[in-house]
């Protein structure tokens, strides 16, 4: 299954957890790139995993998503212990979409891009909520939540030092290896 990593600032911790996995980096250069990237995935009609640029997942998480028989599934984030529909919206941080799910909502991201911007918010900021509300409004199947939760690089950066170099996880790999 294809793993795509849309990014503006790919975090070292994310690069580390992706080591050994076949994945494709997709550079985001404008506020509307994220929904346009999702629209492209929908147009391709192939199952895929979305892994955002600051995600830190545990070994086996991608395999768990690949094996899942639900059409739409994702991991919750550490610190958000409530189930998706009793708390936070399902996240796009580490999510998998099947062709069946894409076929149920072929116009999802086209419709999103037609919507007026939420004042003061870049379009990428509310893709998660749009996805959940779009599916709910059409009576669709809710996102299947996987466990244990994943985390993101900013949380890791606060406490991780890399091998005595004094470098933090937020520094680029190049600056550490120089």
Protein backbone atom coordinates (compact mmCIF):
# COMPACT_ATOMS: atom_id res chain seq x y z
CA UNK A 1 0.00 0.00 0.00
CA UNK A 2 1.30 3.44 -0.87
CA UNK A 3 2.41 5.65 2.02
CA UNK A 4 2.38 9.37 1.26
CA UNK A 5 4.02 12.00 3.46
CA UNK A 6 2.75 15.52 2.74
CA UNK A 7 5.19 17.96 4.31
CA UNK A 8 6.23 21.54 4.79
CA UNK A 9 8.96 20.82 7.33
CA UNK A 10 9.70 17.10 7.51
CA UNK A 11 10.72 16.32 11.07
CA UNK A 12 13.73 14.16 11.89
CA UNK A 13 11.68 11.94 14.21
CA UNK A 14 9.25 11.27 11.35
CA UNK A 15 12.12 10.47 9.00
CA UNK A 16 13.46 8.00 11.57
CA UNK A 17 10.17 6.11 12.01
CA UNK A 18 9.71 5.96 8.23
CA UNK A 19 13.11 4.32 7.76
CA UNK A 20 12.64 0.99 5.99
CA UNK A 21 9.16 1.85 4.70
CA UNK A 22 8.51 2.62 1.05
CA UNK A 23 7.01 6.11 1.10
CA UNK A 24 6.66 9.15 -1.11
CA UNK A 25 7.34 12.67 0.12
CA UNK A 26 4.99 15.33 -1.24
CA UNK A 27 6.08 18.97 -0.69
CA UNK A 28 3.29 21.36 0.37
CA UNK A 29 4.04 24.89 -0.85
CA UNK A 30 0.77 26.80 -0.33
CA UNK A 31 -2.19 26.86 2.07
CA UNK A 32 -4.39 24.86 -0.31
CA UNK A 33 -1.79 22.21 -1.21
CA UNK A 34 -3.01 19.71 1.39
CA UNK A 35 -6.60 19.44 0.12
CA UNK A 36 -5.28 19.45 -3.47
CA UNK A 37 -2.93 16.59 -2.54
CA UNK A 38 -5.92 14.70 -1.07
CA UNK A 39 -7.94 15.46 -4.19
CA UNK A 40 -5.14 13.87 -6.24
CA UNK A 41 -5.20 10.75 -4.08
CA UNK A 42 -8.99 10.56 -4.57
CA UNK A 43 -8.64 10.97 -8.34
CA UNK A 44 -6.13 8.07 -8.41
CA UNK A 45 -8.67 5.81 -6.64
CA UNK A 46 -5.97 3.69 -5.00
CA UNK A 47 -5.85 2.76 -1.30
CA UNK A 48 -3.23 4.75 0.60
CA UNK A 49 -1.87 5.72 3.99
CA UNK A 50 -1.43 9.37 4.84
CA UNK A 51 1.45 10.13 7.24
CA UNK A 52 1.87 13.77 8.15
CA UNK A 53 5.32 15.36 8.40
CA UNK A 54 5.50 15.50 12.19
CA UNK A 55 4.02 12.09 13.07
CA UNK A 56 5.88 9.64 15.31
CA UNK A 57 4.32 6.20 15.22
CA UNK A 58 5.30 2.92 16.84
CA UNK A 59 6.70 -0.11 15.02
CA UNK A 60 3.82 -2.05 13.49
CA UNK A 61 1.39 0.86 13.18
CA UNK A 62 1.51 0.98 9.37
CA UNK A 63 1.04 -2.76 9.19
CA UNK A 64 -1.98 -2.49 11.49
CA UNK A 65 -3.54 0.06 9.12
CA UNK A 66 -2.81 -2.13 6.10
CA UNK A 67 -4.50 -5.17 7.71
CA UNK A 68 -7.61 -3.29 8.84
CA UNK A 69 -10.82 -4.29 7.07
CA UNK A 70 -12.56 -0.94 7.64
CA UNK A 71 -12.82 1.52 4.73
CA UNK A 72 -11.43 4.46 6.74
CA UNK A 73 -9.20 4.15 9.77
CA UNK A 74 -6.71 6.24 11.71
CA UNK A 75 -4.73 6.47 14.91
CA UNK A 76 -5.64 8.84 17.68
CA UNK A 77 -3.01 11.15 19.10
CA UNK A 78 -1.36 10.75 22.49
CA UNK A 79 -3.05 13.08 24.96
CA UNK A 80 -6.45 12.62 23.31
CA UNK A 81 -7.66 9.55 25.19
CA UNK A 82 -11.31 9.87 24.19
CA UNK A 83 -12.64 7.96 21.21
CA UNK A 84 -12.91 10.08 18.05
CA UNK A 85 -16.65 10.62 18.23
CA UNK A 86 -16.74 11.41 21.92
CA UNK A 87 -13.84 13.84 21.72
CA UNK A 88 -11.43 14.94 19.01
CA UNK A 89 -12.17 14.60 15.30
CA UNK A 90 -10.51 11.71 13.49
CA UNK A 91 -7.11 12.92 12.46
CA UNK A 92 -5.33 12.75 9.12
CA UNK A 93 -1.99 12.42 10.95
CA UNK A 94 -1.75 8.68 10.28
CA UNK A 95 -4.81 7.49 8.37
CA UNK A 96 -5.67 4.88 5.76
CA UNK A 97 -8.30 5.13 3.03
CA UNK A 98 -9.53 2.28 0.85
CA UNK A 99 -10.72 2.52 -2.73
CA UNK A 100 -14.23 1.68 -1.46
CA UNK A 101 -14.15 4.69 0.86
CA UNK A 102 -12.86 6.98 -1.88
CA UNK A 103 -15.60 5.70 -4.23
CA UNK A 104 -18.28 6.48 -1.61
CA UNK A 105 -17.23 10.17 -1.58
CA UNK A 106 -15.68 10.92 -4.97
CA UNK A 107 -16.33 14.68 -4.80
CA UNK A 108 -15.16 15.19 -1.20
CA UNK A 109 -12.06 17.29 -1.88
CA UNK A 110 -13.54 18.99 -4.94
CA UNK A 111 -16.37 20.16 -2.67
CA UNK A 112 -13.88 21.22 0.00
CA UNK A 113 -11.94 23.40 -2.43
CA UNK A 114 -15.18 25.10 -3.51
CA UNK A 115 -15.98 26.09 0.07
CA UNK A 116 -15.13 29.63 1.16
CA UNK A 117 -12.15 29.86 3.49
CA UNK A 118 -12.79 29.93 7.21
CA UNK A 119 -11.69 33.42 8.18
CA UNK A 120 -8.12 33.48 9.40
CA UNK A 121 -7.53 29.74 8.86
CA UNK A 122 -5.48 28.22 6.05
CA UNK A 123 -7.32 25.44 4.22
CA UNK A 124 -4.94 22.71 5.44
CA UNK A 125 -5.92 23.46 9.03
CA UNK A 126 -9.46 22.09 8.84
CA UNK A 127 -9.21 19.12 6.46
CA UNK A 128 -9.70 16.68 9.39
CA UNK A 129 -12.97 18.27 10.50
CA UNK A 130 -14.18 18.61 6.91
CA UNK A 131 -13.61 14.89 6.32
CA UNK A 132 -15.53 13.86 9.45
CA UNK A 133 -18.41 16.27 8.84
CA UNK A 134 -18.66 15.40 5.14
CA UNK A 135 -18.97 11.68 5.88
CA UNK A 136 -21.36 12.24 8.82
CA UNK A 137 -23.64 14.50 6.74
CA UNK A 138 -24.02 11.66 4.23
CA UNK A 139 -24.70 8.99 6.84
CA UNK A 140 -21.42 7.26 6.16
CA UNK A 141 -19.39 4.86 8.24
CA UNK A 142 -17.37 6.54 10.94
CA UNK A 143 -13.61 6.34 11.15
CA UNK A 144 -12.27 3.22 12.86
CA UNK A 145 -9.83 4.27 15.58
CA UNK A 146 -6.65 2.25 16.12
CA UNK A 147 -4.72 1.95 19.37
CA UNK A 148 -2.35 2.64 21.04
CA UNK A 149 -2.20 6.30 20.05
CA UNK A 150 0.66 7.89 18.16
CA UNK A 151 2.37 11.18 18.93
CA UNK A 152 3.99 14.00 17.04
CA UNK A 153 7.49 15.35 16.77
CA UNK A 154 7.03 18.53 18.85
CA UNK A 155 6.25 16.36 21.89
CA UNK A 156 9.33 14.23 21.23
CA UNK A 157 11.52 17.31 20.65
CA UNK A 158 10.93 18.54 24.17
CA UNK A 159 12.64 15.56 25.72
CA UNK A 160 14.86 13.78 23.19
CA UNK A 161 18.56 14.44 22.75
CA UNK A 162 20.28 12.59 19.94
CA UNK A 163 23.28 10.48 20.88
CA UNK A 164 25.31 12.95 22.93
CA UNK A 165 25.59 15.45 20.07
CA UNK A 166 23.45 17.98 21.88
CA UNK A 167 21.27 18.14 18.78
CA UNK A 168 17.53 18.10 19.26
CA UNK A 169 15.11 16.14 17.09
CA UNK A 170 14.01 19.37 15.44
CA UNK A 171 17.37 19.85 13.72
CA UNK A 172 17.83 18.46 10.26
CA UNK A 173 19.65 15.21 9.71
CA UNK A 174 22.25 17.07 7.63
CA UNK A 175 23.19 19.40 10.48
CA UNK A 176 23.73 16.45 12.83
CA UNK A 177 25.88 14.42 10.44
CA UNK A 178 28.12 17.30 9.34
